[in-house]
Amino acid sequence: MAVVHDHTVSNRILLATFDKNWIRKKVKDGHVVYLSTANKATIELLVSGEKQTIKRRFTKGSKVVVVNGTFHFPPHIRL
């Protein structure tokens, strides 16, 4: 596990699977905002160039913004 202290941006995400601890806040002009509703909310990611999915864990209140296929992640934990 590694803690990522900075915001991360990626346009290499092919598929993102959010667990039950996320809600989609709004969809507008190609922007989607996901809000974590609990600590240890996770997202499983299939990333271009990777052989297996990777998981990220977030704290309650974290916002993941998706703009035209580019994911903007707040600080998180790599699992």
Protein backbone atom coordinates (compact mmCIF):
# COMPACT_ATOMS: atom_id res chain seq x y z
CA MET A 1 0.00 0.00 0.00
CA ALA A 2 1.18 3.48 -0.85
CA VAL A 3 -0.41 6.77 0.04
CA VAL A 4 -0.73 9.24 -2.83
CA HIS A 5 -0.71 12.74 -1.35
CA ASP A 6 -1.25 14.68 -4.58
CA HIS A 7 -4.10 14.82 -7.03
CA THR A 8 -3.71 12.35 -9.89
CA VAL A 9 -4.99 12.72 -13.44
CA SER A 10 -5.28 9.86 -15.93
CA ASN A 11 -6.76 9.43 -19.37
CA ARG A 12 -5.61 5.78 -19.53
CA ILE A 13 -8.61 4.40 -17.58
CA LEU A 14 -10.52 1.90 -19.72
CA LEU A 15 -13.01 0.85 -17.03
CA ALA A 16 -13.71 2.10 -13.51
CA THR A 17 -15.86 0.07 -11.11
CA PHE A 18 -17.02 2.02 -8.06
CA ASP A 19 -18.10 0.08 -4.96
CA LYS A 20 -21.40 0.74 -3.14
CA ASN A 21 -19.86 3.66 -1.23
CA TRP A 22 -20.07 6.10 -4.14
CA ILE A 23 -22.85 8.26 -5.54
CA ARG A 24 -22.90 10.10 -8.84
CA LYS A 25 -23.54 13.74 -7.99
CA LYS A 26 -24.09 15.37 -11.36
CA VAL A 27 -23.70 14.89 -15.06
CA LYS A 28 -23.29 18.01 -17.17
CA ASP A 29 -21.44 18.90 -20.36
CA GLY A 30 -19.32 15.74 -20.28
CA HIS A 31 -18.50 16.15 -16.55
CA VAL A 32 -19.38 13.49 -14.00
CA VAL A 33 -18.68 13.86 -10.26
CA TYR A 34 -18.58 10.84 -7.95
CA LEU A 35 -18.69 11.41 -4.19
CA SER A 36 -17.56 8.83 -1.63
CA THR A 37 -20.08 8.28 1.14
CA ALA A 38 -17.84 6.27 3.48
CA ASN A 39 -14.22 5.83 4.48
CA LYS A 40 -12.45 3.06 2.59
CA ALA A 41 -14.57 3.62 -0.52
CA THR A 42 -12.82 1.79 -3.35
CA ILE A 43 -12.56 1.98 -7.11
CA GLU A 44 -11.25 -0.89 -9.21
CA LEU A 45 -9.53 0.35 -12.38
CA LEU A 46 -8.61 -1.28 -15.64
CA VAL A 47 -5.77 0.84 -17.00
CA SER A 48 -4.41 0.78 -20.53
CA GLY A 49 -1.04 -0.99 -20.53
CA GLU A 50 -1.66 -2.85 -17.26
CA LYS A 51 -2.21 -6.62 -17.18
CA GLN A 52 -4.58 -6.62 -14.23
CA THR A 53 -6.97 -4.26 -12.48
CA ILE A 54 -5.73 -1.99 -9.73
CA LYS A 55 -7.59 -0.73 -6.66
CA ARG A 56 -7.64 2.67 -5.04
CA ARG A 57 -9.14 3.54 -1.63
CA PHE A 58 -10.53 6.93 -0.67
CA THR A 59 -11.80 8.69 2.43
CA LYS A 60 -15.37 9.85 2.97
CA GLY A 61 -16.17 13.00 1.02
CA SER A 62 -13.58 12.40 -1.70
CA LYS A 63 -14.62 13.58 -5.16
CA VAL A 64 -13.57 11.89 -8.37
CA VAL A 65 -14.23 14.07 -11.40
CA VAL A 66 -14.43 12.60 -14.90
CA VAL A 67 -14.16 15.08 -17.76
CA ASN A 68 -14.43 13.69 -21.29
CA GLY A 69 -12.87 10.37 -20.24
CA THR A 70 -10.08 11.86 -18.10
CA PHE A 71 -10.22 10.90 -14.42
CA HIS A 72 -9.15 13.42 -11.76
CA PHE A 73 -8.43 11.61 -8.46
CA PRO A 74 -7.95 13.30 -5.07
CA PRO A 75 -5.30 11.97 -2.65
CA HIS A 76 -5.86 8.23 -2.09
CA ILE A 77 -4.30 4.91 -1.10
CA ARG A 78 -3.03 2.44 -3.66
CA LEU A 79 -4.00 -1.09 -2.70
